[in-house]
Amino acid sequence: MKRIANLVLAAVLAVGVLAGCGGAKESPGNGGQTAQQAPGQNQAQTQEQAKEPVTLKVGATVTPHSEILEFIKDEALAEGIKLEIIVFTDYVQPNLALAEGDLDANYFQHLPYLEKFSEEHGLDLVSVGAIHLEPLGLYSLKLTSLDQLPDGAKVSIPDDPTNAGRALKLLHDHGLITLKEGVGVEATPNDIAANPKNLKIEMLQAEFLPRSLQDVDAAVINTNFYLDAEKNLGVKANVLARESAEGNPYANVVAVRRGDADRPEIKKLVELLQSEAVAKFIEENYDGAVIPAF
């Protein structure tokens, strides 16, 4: 019995010695430091983590917005920002997705639209920079000049409040209609004071306007939707009139949630979009249908 007790005691002492040795085990070549305490190891890990790019999810319509974002994608990555471009085909979902936190930013709309949409939907979204201007155009498949527009012509325009008013002002500025005195960017067909050509104004969602060209005499179309239809649907229309760029308040902006406006990666995104390289890209690729706004 005594012999068994001695054996048990010896085993316990052996385990204690081994445990003590194991806790102070040295890694070869670490200068005598323990593996858990290698000098600079935590700092190196922190530096490695810092090199990981920050992912920014940016919502955009196809042309020209997503194309401009694609143009800066490599440079953004070199600056530590991985751009994830989410393409939308309408003017509603990009703002809702941003407000809900599914996006970090969006780039598809002008400032008056952003402000009006945010007010109507109770969203706290703000612009962090103007990038480009897309002058509205009056397009036609059937006509080549304004003076060919017949009496009673069908003209389709966007149905959202800011772009509808903008389209009516384009028709007003070219003498096709006269708007009531004092109406602003939110003019509607009810604000037409004179319509000498008896134009039949039809209001459609902006994304459907290029397709409407088959059924109307002319359509006032947002440039991004026209360019997209030209590229992907083979639409080739004549430009009868274009909105003036001088003093135009409809520059397309980058929008974010208010609390994100000062994030370093958001500021860097805007800086890249407002670069000379982007201005040159716009001027060389869109033939005056898109104009730098910075």
Protein backbone atom coordinates (compact mmCIF):
# COMPACT_ATOMS: atom_id res chain seq x y z
CA MET A 1 0.00 0.00 0.00
CA LYS A 2 2.85 2.33 0.91
CA ARG A 3 4.52 1.54 -2.41
CA ILE A 4 1.39 2.55 -4.36
CA ALA A 5 1.16 5.85 -2.47
CA ASN A 6 4.80 6.63 -3.31
CA LEU A 7 4.17 5.92 -7.00
CA VAL A 8 1.14 8.25 -7.06
CA LEU A 9 3.14 11.02 -5.36
CA ALA A 10 5.97 10.63 -7.88
CA ALA A 11 3.53 10.87 -10.78
CA VAL A 12 1.97 14.06 -9.41
CA LEU A 13 5.40 15.65 -8.95
CA ALA A 14 6.40 14.69 -12.51
CA VAL A 15 3.28 16.30 -13.99
CA GLY A 16 3.96 19.48 -12.04
CA VAL A 17 7.54 19.67 -13.34
CA LEU A 18 6.44 19.09 -16.94
CA ALA A 19 3.70 21.72 -16.67
CA GLY A 20 6.19 24.22 -15.32
CA CYS A 21 8.62 23.55 -18.17
CA GLY A 22 5.88 23.77 -20.78
CA GLY A 23 4.80 27.23 -19.64
CA ALA A 24 8.25 28.66 -20.29
CA LYS A 25 9.01 26.92 -23.59
CA GLU A 26 11.23 28.98 -25.90
CA SER A 27 10.74 29.25 -29.67
CA PRO A 28 13.95 28.56 -31.64
CA GLY A 29 15.66 31.71 -32.78
CA ASN A 30 13.44 34.12 -30.86
CA GLY A 31 16.24 35.46 -28.74
CA GLY A 32 15.14 33.69 -25.60
CA GLN A 33 11.65 35.16 -25.58
CA THR A 34 8.63 32.95 -25.09
CA ALA A 35 6.39 32.27 -28.11
CA GLN A 36 3.58 34.22 -26.49
CA GLN A 37 5.73 37.31 -25.97
CA ALA A 38 7.72 37.66 -29.20
CA PRO A 39 8.76 41.34 -29.45
CA GLY A 40 6.77 43.42 -31.97
CA GLN A 41 4.39 40.55 -32.77
CA ASN A 42 1.22 42.43 -31.78
CA GLN A 43 2.42 45.56 -33.55
CA ALA A 44 3.09 43.59 -36.76
CA GLN A 45 -0.38 42.07 -36.63
CA THR A 46 -1.92 45.52 -36.15
CA GLN A 47 0.02 46.89 -39.12
CA GLU A 48 -1.07 43.94 -41.25
CA GLN A 49 -4.71 44.55 -40.32
CA ALA A 50 -4.32 48.24 -41.15
CA LYS A 51 -3.28 47.31 -44.69
CA GLU A 52 -6.59 45.58 -45.32
CA PRO A 53 -8.70 47.80 -47.65
CA VAL A 54 -11.93 49.31 -46.40
CA THR A 55 -14.91 48.13 -48.46
CA LEU A 56 -17.29 50.85 -49.64
CA LYS A 57 -20.62 49.77 -51.12
CA VAL A 58 -21.73 52.46 -53.56
CA GLY A 59 -25.07 52.37 -55.37
CA ALA A 60 -25.20 53.80 -58.89
CA THR A 61 -27.17 53.76 -62.11
CA VAL A 62 -25.34 52.28 -65.07
CA THR A 63 -24.39 55.20 -67.32
CA PRO A 64 -22.38 57.26 -66.57
CA HIS A 65 -22.27 56.76 -62.81
CA SER A 66 -21.14 53.13 -62.53
CA GLU A 67 -18.74 53.65 -65.45
CA ILE A 68 -17.08 56.58 -63.68
CA LEU A 69 -16.83 54.53 -60.48
CA GLU A 70 -15.25 51.66 -62.44
CA PHE A 71 -12.73 54.14 -63.84
CA ILE A 72 -11.47 55.05 -60.34
CA LYS A 73 -11.70 51.53 -58.89
CA ASP A 74 -8.00 50.65 -59.17
CA GLU A 75 -6.84 54.00 -57.82
CA ALA A 76 -9.28 53.67 -54.93
CA LEU A 77 -7.82 50.26 -54.07
CA ALA A 78 -4.33 51.76 -54.10
CA GLU A 79 -5.64 54.26 -51.54
CA GLY A 80 -6.97 51.47 -49.33
CA ILE A 81 -10.61 51.50 -50.53
CA LYS A 82 -12.24 48.49 -52.14
CA LEU A 83 -15.20 49.77 -54.17
CA GLU A 84 -18.19 47.47 -54.42
CA ILE A 85 -20.46 49.00 -57.06
CA ILE A 86 -24.14 48.08 -56.78
CA VAL A 87 -26.04 48.91 -59.99
CA PHE A 88 -29.67 50.09 -59.85
CA THR A 89 -32.11 50.70 -62.69
CA ASP A 90 -34.46 53.14 -60.95
CA TYR A 91 -34.38 56.35 -58.91
CA VAL A 92 -36.07 55.04 -55.73
CA GLN A 93 -34.18 52.02 -54.40
CA PRO A 94 -30.68 53.60 -54.20
CA ASN A 95 -31.82 56.12 -51.57
CA LEU A 96 -33.87 53.60 -49.61
CA ALA A 97 -30.96 51.13 -49.60
CA LEU A 98 -28.60 53.88 -48.41
CA ALA A 99 -30.94 54.96 -45.61
CA GLU A 100 -31.33 51.34 -44.47
CA GLY A 101 -27.55 50.84 -44.26
CA ASP A 102 -27.24 48.47 -47.22
CA LEU A 103 -24.97 51.01 -48.96
CA ASP A 104 -22.24 53.34 -47.73
CA ALA A 105 -22.98 55.93 -50.43
CA ASN A 106 -24.84 56.39 -53.67
CA TYR A 107 -24.10 58.30 -56.85
CA PHE A 108 -27.00 58.66 -59.29
CA GLN A 109 -29.02 61.80 -58.57
CA HIS A 110 -28.89 65.58 -58.61
CA LEU A 111 -29.16 67.66 -55.44
CA PRO A 112 -32.77 68.90 -55.86
CA TYR A 113 -33.95 65.30 -56.30
CA LEU A 114 -31.98 64.15 -53.24
CA GLU A 115 -33.45 66.92 -51.09
CA LYS A 116 -37.01 66.36 -52.31
CA PHE A 117 -36.84 62.57 -51.94
CA SER A 118 -35.33 62.82 -48.45
CA GLU A 119 -38.04 65.25 -47.36
CA GLU A 120 -40.88 63.10 -48.73
CA HIS A 121 -39.54 59.85 -47.23
CA GLY A 122 -38.20 61.21 -43.94
CA LEU A 123 -34.58 60.30 -44.73
CA ASP A 124 -31.48 62.02 -43.35
CA LEU A 125 -29.28 61.88 -46.46
CA VAL A 126 -26.83 64.58 -47.51
CA SER A 127 -24.58 65.42 -50.44
CA VAL A 128 -20.83 65.26 -49.92
CA GLY A 129 -19.80 66.54 -53.35
CA ALA A 130 -20.95 67.39 -56.88
CA ILE A 131 -19.36 65.28 -59.63
CA HIS A 132 -21.01 65.90 -62.99
CA LEU A 133 -23.93 67.50 -64.79
CA GLU A 134 -26.21 65.71 -67.25
CA PRO A 135 -28.15 68.31 -69.26
CA LEU A 136 -31.63 67.01 -70.09
CA GLY A 137 -32.25 66.44 -73.78
CA LEU A 138 -35.34 66.54 -75.99
CA TYR A 139 -34.90 63.47 -78.23
CA SER A 140 -36.81 62.17 -81.25
CA LEU A 141 -36.67 59.21 -83.62
CA LYS A 142 -39.01 60.92 -86.10
CA LEU A 143 -37.79 64.53 -86.22
CA THR A 144 -34.45 66.19 -86.79
CA SER A 145 -35.20 69.75 -85.61
CA LEU A 146 -37.56 71.60 -83.28
CA ASP A 147 -39.41 73.39 -86.07
CA GLN A 148 -40.59 69.99 -87.37
CA LEU A 149 -42.58 69.37 -84.19
CA PRO A 150 -46.20 69.13 -85.41
CA ASP A 151 -49.33 70.63 -83.91
CA GLY A 152 -50.69 68.26 -81.26
CA ALA A 153 -47.35 66.44 -80.95
CA LYS A 154 -46.98 63.86 -78.19
CA VAL A 155 -44.10 64.67 -75.84
CA SER A 156 -43.18 62.40 -72.91
CA ILE A 157 -41.39 63.76 -69.82
CA PRO A 158 -40.22 62.31 -66.46
CA ASP A 159 -42.92 61.91 -63.82
CA ASP A 160 -40.85 62.61 -60.68
CA PRO A 161 -41.41 66.15 -59.32
CA THR A 162 -37.98 67.72 -59.82
CA ASN A 163 -37.27 66.25 -63.25
CA ALA A 164 -40.81 66.97 -64.49
CA GLY A 165 -40.39 70.64 -63.63
CA ARG A 166 -36.96 70.61 -65.20
CA ALA A 167 -38.36 69.07 -68.43
CA LEU A 168 -41.17 71.63 -68.62
CA LYS A 169 -38.63 74.43 -68.19
CA LEU A 170 -36.65 73.00 -71.12
CA LEU A 171 -39.79 73.16 -73.29
CA HIS A 172 -40.47 76.67 -71.97
CA ASP A 173 -36.92 77.88 -72.70
CA HIS A 174 -37.25 76.73 -76.32
CA GLY A 175 -40.58 78.45 -76.87
CA LEU A 176 -42.72 75.31 -77.05
CA ILE A 177 -44.81 76.20 -73.98
CA THR A 178 -45.07 79.10 -71.54
CA LEU A 179 -45.07 78.42 -67.81
CA LYS A 180 -46.93 80.53 -65.29
CA GLU A 181 -44.97 83.36 -63.72
CA GLY A 182 -42.97 82.35 -60.65
CA VAL A 183 -43.23 78.56 -60.91
CA GLY A 184 -39.99 76.87 -59.93
CA VAL A 185 -38.37 73.48 -60.33
CA GLU A 186 -41.52 71.70 -59.23
CA ALA A 187 -43.69 72.92 -62.11
CA THR A 188 -46.32 70.47 -63.38
CA PRO A 189 -48.38 70.41 -66.59
CA ASN A 190 -51.02 72.34 -64.62
CA ASP A 191 -48.58 75.27 -64.55
CA ILE A 192 -48.56 75.63 -68.35
CA ALA A 193 -49.98 79.09 -69.16
CA ALA A 194 -49.73 78.79 -72.95
CA ASN A 195 -49.34 75.81 -75.27
CA PRO A 196 -49.31 77.21 -78.83
CA LYS A 197 -48.55 73.84 -80.45
CA ASN A 198 -51.15 72.01 -78.33
CA LEU A 199 -48.51 69.58 -77.17
CA LYS A 200 -49.85 66.45 -75.49
CA ILE A 201 -47.63 65.99 -72.44
CA GLU A 202 -47.33 62.40 -71.20
CA MET A 203 -45.58 61.67 -67.89
CA LEU A 204 -43.63 58.42 -67.48
CA GLN A 205 -41.09 56.98 -65.08
CA ALA A 206 -37.70 58.28 -66.16
CA GLU A 207 -36.26 54.84 -66.92
CA PHE A 208 -39.05 54.12 -69.44
CA LEU A 209 -38.65 57.31 -71.47
CA PRO A 210 -36.16 55.91 -74.04
CA ARG A 211 -38.60 53.11 -74.89
CA SER A 212 -41.39 55.67 -75.31
CA LEU A 213 -39.60 57.20 -78.31
CA GLN A 214 -41.34 54.67 -80.57
CA ASP A 215 -44.75 55.98 -79.51
CA VAL A 216 -44.25 59.75 -79.19
CA ASP A 217 -42.97 62.56 -81.37
CA ALA A 218 -40.32 63.54 -78.82
CA ALA A 219 -39.27 62.78 -75.25
CA VAL A 220 -37.38 64.72 -72.61
CA ILE A 221 -34.94 62.13 -71.28
CA ASN A 222 -32.40 62.10 -68.46
CA THR A 223 -28.99 61.69 -70.06
CA ASN A 224 -28.01 58.60 -68.06
CA PHE A 225 -31.08 56.69 -69.25
CA TYR A 226 -30.63 57.81 -72.85
CA LEU A 227 -26.94 56.82 -72.93
CA ASP A 228 -27.78 53.45 -71.39
CA ALA A 229 -30.51 52.84 -74.01
CA GLU A 230 -28.16 53.91 -76.78
CA LYS A 231 -25.52 51.46 -75.61
CA ASN A 232 -27.70 48.49 -74.66
CA LEU A 233 -30.85 48.86 -76.77
CA GLY A 234 -29.35 50.38 -79.89
CA VAL A 235 -31.50 53.53 -79.59
CA LYS A 236 -30.26 56.26 -81.97
CA ALA A 237 -32.30 59.42 -81.58
CA ASN A 238 -31.79 63.01 -82.70
CA VAL A 239 -31.22 65.69 -80.07
CA LEU A 240 -33.70 68.50 -80.79
CA ALA A 241 -32.77 70.60 -77.75
CA ARG A 242 -30.54 70.37 -74.72
CA GLU A 243 -30.74 72.00 -71.32
CA SER A 244 -28.25 74.82 -70.75
CA ALA A 245 -25.29 73.97 -68.51
CA GLU A 246 -24.75 77.57 -67.43
CA GLY A 247 -26.03 78.18 -63.90
CA ASN A 248 -27.57 74.72 -63.89
CA PRO A 249 -28.33 73.52 -60.31
CA TYR A 250 -28.75 69.86 -61.26
CA ALA A 251 -25.23 68.53 -60.72
CA ASN A 252 -25.15 64.84 -59.81
CA VAL A 253 -23.80 64.26 -56.32
CA VAL A 254 -22.44 61.59 -54.00
CA ALA A 255 -24.93 61.08 -51.16
CA VAL A 256 -24.39 59.49 -47.74
CA ARG A 257 -26.15 59.22 -44.40
CA ARG A 258 -25.53 62.44 -42.47
CA GLY A 259 -23.41 60.75 -39.79
CA ASP A 260 -21.03 59.32 -42.41
CA ALA A 261 -20.14 62.58 -44.15
CA ASP A 262 -16.79 62.89 -42.34
CA ARG A 263 -15.60 59.31 -42.76
CA PRO A 264 -12.05 59.42 -44.23
CA GLU A 265 -12.87 56.84 -46.92
CA ILE A 266 -15.94 58.85 -48.03
CA LYS A 267 -13.81 61.99 -48.32
CA LYS A 268 -11.22 60.06 -50.32
CA LEU A 269 -13.94 58.71 -52.64
CA VAL A 270 -15.12 62.25 -53.41
CA GLU A 271 -11.54 63.41 -53.88
CA LEU A 272 -10.95 60.68 -56.47
CA LEU A 273 -14.23 61.45 -58.27
CA GLN A 274 -13.34 65.15 -58.44
CA SER A 275 -9.90 64.55 -59.93
CA GLU A 276 -8.52 65.87 -63.21
CA ALA A 277 -8.37 62.28 -64.47
CA VAL A 278 -12.13 61.88 -64.00
CA ALA A 279 -12.83 65.24 -65.67
CA LYS A 280 -10.79 64.09 -68.68
CA PHE A 281 -12.55 60.70 -68.72
CA ILE A 282 -15.96 62.42 -68.78
CA GLU A 283 -14.97 64.86 -71.52
CA GLU A 284 -13.52 62.11 -73.72
CA ASN A 285 -16.33 59.58 -73.36
CA TYR A 286 -19.70 61.35 -73.35
CA ASP A 287 -19.55 63.88 -76.17
CA GLY A 288 -21.00 66.78 -74.15
CA ALA A 289 -23.94 64.76 -72.79
CA VAL A 290 -22.11 64.63 -69.44
CA ILE A 291 -20.10 67.59 -68.12
CA PRO A 292 -17.73 67.76 -65.10
CA ALA A 293 -19.26 69.83 -62.27
CA PHE A 294 -16.14 70.52 -60.21
